[in-house]
Amino acid sequence: MRTLVALGLLIGLCAPATAQDNVDRMMEPDIQTGTRFKQAPETAQEKEARDLQKRVARCVTYRNKKQVRQLLIHSDYDRIRFEEAGIEPATMFDDLDVGDCLGRAMKHSTYRIHMRMPLGTLRNLLTEEVYLMDNKKPMQLAADAPKYLEVREAERRLGPRAGVLAELADCVTHTDIAAADELLRNRPGSEGESEALEALYPAFAQCGLETSEDSNLDKSMIRSVLADGLWARSYYDSEDFLAAGEGE
C-alpha cells in the first residue's frame, strides 16, 4: 500500500492559521473522519483575486488551445519542460496573450491592475481550464480504472514533491471523482466551492491527507492539485494519447 508523506503534504497543501496574507485558506467545523479540516472565510478582495486568475486562465486557454495542450503534456505540477513543449520561458506570457487576457478580465470599474504570477502557477491554472474545456460533463471512471496512474510517472519523470502530489490527486479522484469534478465547476470563493470542498473531506482522510489543529487547507492549491489529477486521468485515457502510442 502506498503511503502519502503527511509532513510533505502539510507543507504544500496547508497554511498556518496565523498567516493572514494567505489568500487561499479555509476554515470549517470539525468532522468525524479522524482528520480535522478547516476553511477560513475570505475577503471580497481575496475572492475577486482568485476569480480574476480563473478568468485570465480561461481566456488564455481558449485563445491558445494547441500551445496550452503542449504545455500540459510536457510539464508537471512543479516543472515545465520548456524545450519539449516548444515554449520560450522568457516570452511565455506574451506568446500566450496573458497581458491582453488580463485586460479583458478586468472589471469595467477597475482603472489599473498589476498581476504577478510565476510561470508554474499559470500552468496549474491552465490545467483546470483545459480539463473543463475537454469535459463539458463530469468525468466518470471505468470500473477497472487504476487508483494510481503509473503512466504519468513514467512519462513525466516526476520529482519527489510532484510525485507525492500526483499520488494524492490520483487517490482522491479515484475515491470520489464526482466531488473533485464538482469543485472545479464552482467559481473560486463561491459557496458552491466551499460545499464541494467539504464533500471531499472523507476522500482526503482516506487518502492520507492530515492537518494539524492550527493549520488550514489552501484552497487554490487543492484546486490545482485535483485539476492536475483530473486532467491526467482525462488525457491518459484519451484517443489522442492512445493513438500516439505514448503509453507504450
Protein backbone atom coordinates (compact mmCIF):
# COMPACT_ATOMS: atom_id res chain seq x y z
CA MET A 1 0.00 0.00 0.00
CA ARG A 2 1.25 3.41 -0.85
CA THR A 3 1.80 5.85 1.98
CA LEU A 4 1.50 9.56 1.38
CA VAL A 5 4.07 11.63 3.20
CA ALA A 6 1.85 13.59 5.59
CA LEU A 7 4.51 16.14 6.52
CA GLY A 8 5.30 16.92 2.90
CA LEU A 9 1.63 17.36 2.11
CA LEU A 10 1.18 19.67 5.08
CA ILE A 11 3.94 21.94 3.85
CA GLY A 12 2.36 22.25 0.42
CA LEU A 13 -1.37 21.99 0.99
CA CYS A 14 -1.84 23.65 4.36
CA ALA A 15 -1.00 27.03 5.82
CA PRO A 16 -0.70 28.19 9.44
CA ALA A 17 -3.87 29.74 10.80
CA THR A 18 -1.85 32.82 11.77
CA ALA A 19 -0.72 33.60 8.20
CA GLN A 20 -3.11 36.46 7.43
CA ASP A 21 -1.66 37.13 4.00
CA ASN A 22 -2.62 33.71 2.60
CA VAL A 23 -5.42 34.40 0.11
CA ASP A 24 -6.45 30.77 -0.24
CA ARG A 25 -7.00 29.48 3.31
CA MET A 26 -10.23 27.97 4.59
CA MET A 27 -11.98 27.05 7.79
CA GLU A 28 -14.83 24.65 8.57
CA PRO A 29 -16.13 22.90 11.75
CA ASP A 30 -14.59 19.57 12.68
CA ILE A 31 -15.94 16.42 11.03
CA GLN A 32 -15.80 12.83 12.20
CA THR A 33 -13.26 11.46 9.75
CA GLY A 34 -10.28 11.08 12.05
CA THR A 35 -8.69 14.17 10.46
CA ARG A 36 -9.51 17.79 11.13
CA PHE A 37 -10.01 20.10 8.16
CA LYS A 38 -10.78 23.79 8.35
CA GLN A 39 -11.87 26.52 5.98
CA ALA A 40 -11.20 30.21 6.55
CA PRO A 41 -13.54 32.95 5.33
CA GLU A 42 -12.15 35.12 2.53
CA THR A 43 -12.47 38.84 2.00
CA ALA A 44 -14.21 40.13 -1.10
CA GLN A 45 -10.81 41.20 -2.48
CA GLU A 46 -9.34 37.73 -1.98
CA LYS A 47 -12.28 36.10 -3.74
CA GLU A 48 -12.03 38.54 -6.62
CA ALA A 49 -8.28 37.90 -6.95
CA ARG A 50 -8.82 34.17 -7.36
CA ASP A 51 -11.75 34.67 -9.70
CA LEU A 52 -9.65 37.08 -11.79
CA GLN A 53 -6.94 34.44 -12.12
CA LYS A 54 -9.53 31.97 -13.36
CA ARG A 55 -10.92 34.39 -15.95
CA VAL A 56 -7.42 35.09 -17.25
CA ALA A 57 -6.58 31.37 -17.44
CA ARG A 58 -9.80 30.61 -19.28
CA CYS A 59 -9.11 33.36 -21.82
CA VAL A 60 -5.55 32.10 -22.37
CA THR A 61 -6.74 28.51 -22.80
CA TYR A 62 -9.39 29.22 -25.41
CA ARG A 63 -7.09 31.55 -27.34
CA ASN A 64 -4.16 29.15 -27.42
CA LYS A 65 -5.58 25.63 -27.30
CA LYS A 66 -2.72 23.92 -29.12
CA GLN A 67 0.07 25.66 -27.23
CA VAL A 68 -1.59 25.16 -23.85
CA ARG A 69 -2.12 21.46 -24.51
CA GLN A 70 1.56 21.08 -25.38
CA LEU A 71 2.45 22.93 -22.21
CA LEU A 72 0.46 20.49 -20.07
CA ILE A 73 1.73 17.40 -21.86
CA HIS A 74 5.33 18.45 -21.23
CA SER A 75 5.05 19.58 -17.63
CA ASP A 76 4.02 18.51 -14.15
CA TYR A 77 2.87 20.31 -11.04
CA ASP A 78 6.37 21.60 -10.26
CA ARG A 79 8.21 21.78 -13.56
CA ILE A 80 7.75 22.82 -17.18
CA ARG A 81 9.99 21.16 -19.78
CA PHE A 82 10.08 24.24 -21.99
CA GLU A 83 12.18 22.83 -24.83
CA GLU A 84 9.93 19.79 -25.25
CA ALA A 85 6.84 21.99 -25.06
CA GLY A 86 8.24 24.34 -27.69
CA ILE A 87 7.87 27.33 -25.37
CA GLU A 88 10.35 30.08 -24.53
CA PRO A 89 10.13 30.88 -20.79
CA ALA A 90 11.20 34.49 -21.35
CA THR A 91 8.32 35.14 -23.75
CA MET A 92 5.72 32.67 -22.44
CA PHE A 93 3.38 35.33 -21.05
CA ASP A 94 3.45 37.32 -24.28
CA ASP A 95 3.14 34.24 -26.50
CA LEU A 96 0.05 33.11 -24.57
CA ASP A 97 -1.58 36.56 -24.58
CA VAL A 98 -1.65 36.75 -20.78
CA GLY A 99 -1.47 40.55 -20.71
CA ASP A 100 -4.34 41.00 -23.15
CA CYS A 101 -6.43 38.40 -21.32
CA LEU A 102 -5.79 40.24 -18.06
CA GLY A 103 -7.05 43.45 -19.62
CA ARG A 104 -10.20 41.72 -20.87
CA ALA A 105 -10.80 40.07 -17.48
CA MET A 106 -10.68 43.33 -15.56
CA LYS A 107 -13.91 44.77 -14.26
CA HIS A 108 -15.09 47.93 -16.02
CA SER A 109 -14.65 49.84 -12.78
CA THR A 110 -11.00 48.83 -12.49
CA TYR A 111 -8.74 51.66 -13.58
CA ARG A 112 -5.40 49.88 -13.28
CA ILE A 113 -4.23 46.45 -12.18
CA HIS A 114 -0.90 44.67 -11.93
CA MET A 115 -0.64 40.90 -11.65
CA ARG A 116 2.49 38.97 -10.75
CA MET A 117 2.29 35.24 -11.44
CA PRO A 118 5.03 32.58 -11.58
CA LEU A 119 5.05 30.51 -14.76
CA GLY A 120 4.28 27.36 -12.75
CA THR A 121 1.21 29.00 -11.22
CA LEU A 122 -0.08 29.92 -14.67
CA ARG A 123 0.49 26.33 -15.84
CA ASN A 124 -1.55 24.97 -12.94
CA LEU A 125 -4.40 27.42 -13.57
CA LEU A 126 -4.45 26.38 -17.22
CA THR A 127 -4.73 22.72 -16.23
CA GLU A 128 -8.14 23.36 -14.66
CA GLU A 129 -9.40 25.20 -17.72
CA VAL A 130 -8.23 22.53 -20.19
CA TYR A 131 -9.91 19.80 -18.13
CA LEU A 132 -13.19 21.74 -18.06
CA MET A 133 -12.91 22.55 -21.77
CA ASP A 134 -12.43 18.87 -22.65
CA ASN A 135 -15.04 17.56 -20.20
CA LYS A 136 -18.27 19.50 -20.52
CA LYS A 137 -19.91 16.89 -18.32
CA PRO A 138 -18.45 15.33 -15.15
CA MET A 139 -15.87 12.67 -15.91
CA GLN A 140 -16.69 9.11 -14.87
CA LEU A 141 -14.22 6.33 -14.14
CA ALA A 142 -14.38 2.87 -15.63
CA ALA A 143 -14.90 0.02 -13.17
CA ASP A 144 -11.30 -1.13 -13.72
CA ALA A 145 -9.73 2.36 -13.62
CA PRO A 146 -6.38 2.26 -11.78
CA LYS A 147 -6.12 4.04 -8.48
CA TYR A 148 -2.68 5.39 -9.37
CA LEU A 149 -1.61 6.49 -12.85
CA GLU A 150 1.78 4.83 -13.23
CA VAL A 151 1.96 6.10 -16.81
CA ARG A 152 2.38 9.73 -15.85
CA GLU A 153 5.30 8.95 -13.56
CA ALA A 154 6.99 7.21 -16.47
CA GLU A 155 6.09 9.91 -19.00
CA ARG A 156 6.90 12.97 -16.93
CA ARG A 157 9.78 11.80 -14.69
CA LEU A 158 8.12 13.38 -11.68
CA GLY A 159 10.24 14.81 -8.90
CA PRO A 160 9.65 13.81 -5.24
CA ARG A 161 7.18 16.59 -4.39
CA ALA A 162 5.31 16.37 -7.69
CA GLY A 163 5.16 12.60 -7.27
CA VAL A 164 3.60 12.86 -3.82
CA LEU A 165 1.03 15.40 -5.01
CA ALA A 166 0.26 13.23 -8.03
CA GLU A 167 -0.39 10.26 -5.74
CA LEU A 168 -2.74 12.36 -3.62
CA ALA A 169 -4.60 13.61 -6.70
CA ASP A 170 -4.83 10.08 -8.13
CA CYS A 171 -6.16 8.71 -4.87
CA VAL A 172 -8.73 11.47 -4.30
CA THR A 173 -10.01 11.44 -7.88
CA HIS A 174 -10.30 7.65 -7.73
CA THR A 175 -12.06 7.75 -4.35
CA ASP A 176 -14.56 10.50 -5.20
CA ILE A 177 -14.17 11.81 -8.73
CA ALA A 178 -17.63 13.36 -8.67
CA ALA A 179 -16.76 15.65 -5.76
CA ALA A 180 -13.37 16.53 -7.28
CA ASP A 181 -15.05 17.43 -10.56
CA GLU A 182 -17.71 19.46 -8.75
CA LEU A 183 -15.04 21.52 -7.01
CA LEU A 184 -13.64 22.71 -10.35
CA ARG A 185 -17.09 23.53 -11.73
CA ASN A 186 -17.69 26.07 -8.95
CA ARG A 187 -16.23 29.56 -9.06
CA PRO A 188 -13.35 30.36 -6.69
CA GLY A 189 -14.65 31.91 -3.49
CA SER A 190 -18.23 30.77 -4.05
CA GLU A 191 -20.46 28.96 -1.59
CA GLY A 192 -20.54 26.06 -4.03
CA GLU A 193 -16.76 25.79 -3.86
CA SER A 194 -16.83 25.53 -0.07
CA GLU A 195 -19.58 22.90 -0.21
CA ALA A 196 -17.73 20.86 -2.83
CA LEU A 197 -14.53 21.06 -0.81
CA GLU A 198 -16.33 19.90 2.32
CA ALA A 199 -17.70 16.93 0.37
CA LEU A 200 -14.09 15.92 -0.32
CA TYR A 201 -13.08 15.72 3.36
CA PRO A 202 -13.73 11.95 3.63
CA ALA A 203 -11.64 11.33 0.49
CA PHE A 204 -8.80 13.47 1.87
CA ALA A 205 -8.82 11.48 5.08
CA GLN A 206 -8.99 8.15 3.25
CA CYS A 207 -6.05 9.17 1.06
CA GLY A 208 -3.82 10.11 3.99
CA LEU A 209 -4.02 13.90 4.00
CA GLU A 210 -3.67 15.23 7.51
CA THR A 211 -3.65 18.70 9.03
CA SER A 212 -2.58 19.92 12.41
CA GLU A 213 -5.00 21.73 14.70
CA ASP A 214 -3.52 25.14 13.87
CA SER A 215 -3.40 24.79 10.08
CA ASN A 216 -5.89 25.30 7.27
CA LEU A 217 -6.16 23.82 3.79
CA ASP A 218 -5.02 26.02 0.91
CA LYS A 219 -7.98 26.29 -1.48
CA SER A 220 -6.01 27.34 -4.54
CA MET A 221 -3.51 24.54 -4.18
CA ILE A 222 -6.21 21.93 -3.54
CA ARG A 223 -7.95 23.05 -6.74
CA SER A 224 -4.75 22.94 -8.77
CA VAL A 225 -3.64 19.54 -7.41
CA LEU A 226 -7.02 17.98 -8.16
CA ALA A 227 -7.17 19.70 -11.55
CA ASP A 228 -3.83 18.10 -12.38
CA GLY A 229 -5.20 14.72 -11.29
CA LEU A 230 -8.43 15.07 -13.25
CA TRP A 231 -6.65 16.35 -16.36
CA ALA A 232 -4.18 13.45 -16.17
CA ARG A 233 -6.98 10.88 -15.98
CA SER A 234 -8.71 12.57 -18.91
CA TYR A 235 -5.57 12.91 -21.03
CA TYR A 236 -4.02 9.48 -20.48
CA ASP A 237 -7.33 7.84 -21.34
CA SER A 238 -7.84 10.00 -24.43
CA GLU A 239 -7.78 8.85 -28.05
CA ASP A 240 -5.00 11.34 -28.80
CA PHE A 241 -2.67 9.81 -26.22
CA LEU A 242 -3.52 6.23 -27.13
CA ALA A 243 -3.24 6.87 -30.87
CA ALA A 244 0.16 8.50 -30.44
CA GLY A 245 1.42 5.37 -28.73
CA GLU A 246 2.87 7.46 -25.91
CA GLY A 247 1.67 4.98 -23.32
CA GLU A 248 3.68 2.07 -24.72
